[in-house]
Protein backbone atom coordinates (compact mmCIF):
# COMPACT_ATOMS: atom_id res chain seq x y z
CA MET A 1 -27.07 67.25 69.40
CA ALA A 2 -25.84 63.68 70.37
CA THR A 3 -28.16 60.24 70.74
CA ASN A 4 -27.98 58.40 73.78
CA ALA A 5 -26.28 55.56 71.79
CA GLN A 6 -23.93 58.37 70.96
CA LEU A 7 -22.51 58.81 74.25
CA ALA A 8 -23.11 55.07 75.36
CA ALA A 9 -20.73 54.04 72.82
CA LYS A 10 -18.67 57.35 73.63
CA LEU A 11 -18.20 56.09 77.52
CA LEU A 12 -17.81 52.72 76.82
CA ARG A 13 -14.89 53.83 74.13
CA ASP A 14 -13.52 55.56 76.95
CA ALA A 15 -12.95 53.14 79.14
CA SER A 16 -11.34 50.49 76.46
CA GLY A 17 -8.73 53.26 76.34
CA PHE A 18 -8.83 53.73 80.39
CA PHE A 19 -7.97 49.41 80.13
CA ARG A 20 -4.85 49.67 77.61
CA ASN A 21 -3.81 52.21 79.06
CA VAL A 22 -4.19 50.04 82.36
CA GLY A 23 -3.18 47.30 81.06
CA GLU A 24 0.31 49.90 79.69
CA GLN A 25 1.38 50.43 83.42
CA ASN A 26 1.06 46.74 84.64
CA PRO A 27 2.45 44.37 82.18
CA PRO A 28 1.74 41.38 84.44
CA LEU A 29 -2.20 42.08 83.84
CA GLN A 30 -1.73 43.62 80.09
CA ASP A 31 -3.34 40.56 78.92
CA GLN A 32 -6.71 40.58 81.02
CA MET A 33 -7.46 44.49 80.39
CA ASN A 34 -6.28 43.73 76.38
CA ASP A 35 -9.44 40.82 76.68
CA ASN A 36 -11.65 43.64 78.33
CA ALA A 37 -10.62 46.27 76.38
CA GLN A 38 -11.57 44.82 72.97
CA VAL A 39 -15.15 43.18 74.70
CA TYR A 40 -16.33 46.90 75.81
CA GLU A 41 -14.82 47.85 72.44
CA GLN A 42 -16.86 45.67 71.14
CA VAL A 43 -20.47 46.70 73.14
CA ALA A 44 -20.00 50.27 71.12
CA ALA A 45 -20.09 49.15 67.90
CA MET A 46 -23.12 46.76 68.30
CA VAL A 47 -24.79 50.21 70.59
CA GLU A 48 -24.38 51.87 66.82
CA SER A 49 -25.31 49.66 65.24
CA ASP A 50 -28.68 48.76 66.75
CA PRO A 51 -28.66 50.50 69.90
CA THR A 52 -32.05 48.24 70.83
CA GLY A 53 -30.86 45.28 69.69
CA GLU A 54 -30.88 42.27 72.30
CA LEU A 55 -28.60 39.98 72.93
CA PRO A 56 -29.36 35.95 71.96
CA GLU A 57 -30.62 33.44 74.79
CA GLN A 58 -27.52 31.81 75.94
CA GLN A 59 -28.78 27.72 77.97
CA GLN A 60 -27.09 27.44 81.06
CA GLN A 61 -24.73 24.59 81.17
CA GLN A 62 -25.55 22.79 83.82
CA PRO A 63 -23.50 21.06 86.44
CA GLU A 64 -22.41 18.48 85.80
CA SER A 65 -22.75 14.93 88.29
């Protein structure tokens, strides 16, 4: 039986494939769709390798005055 993390990783990879397909069908959006696909694939790998891991905190940028 699959774990929740394995299912989540599969869904993320499936979504990645969806983004790639949309990009192939719509060349003006292809770069953005490929970027989206790469992010989903990276998150899938993170979920598989460390299911309970935490993201590092990101510092908020202060608006320039």
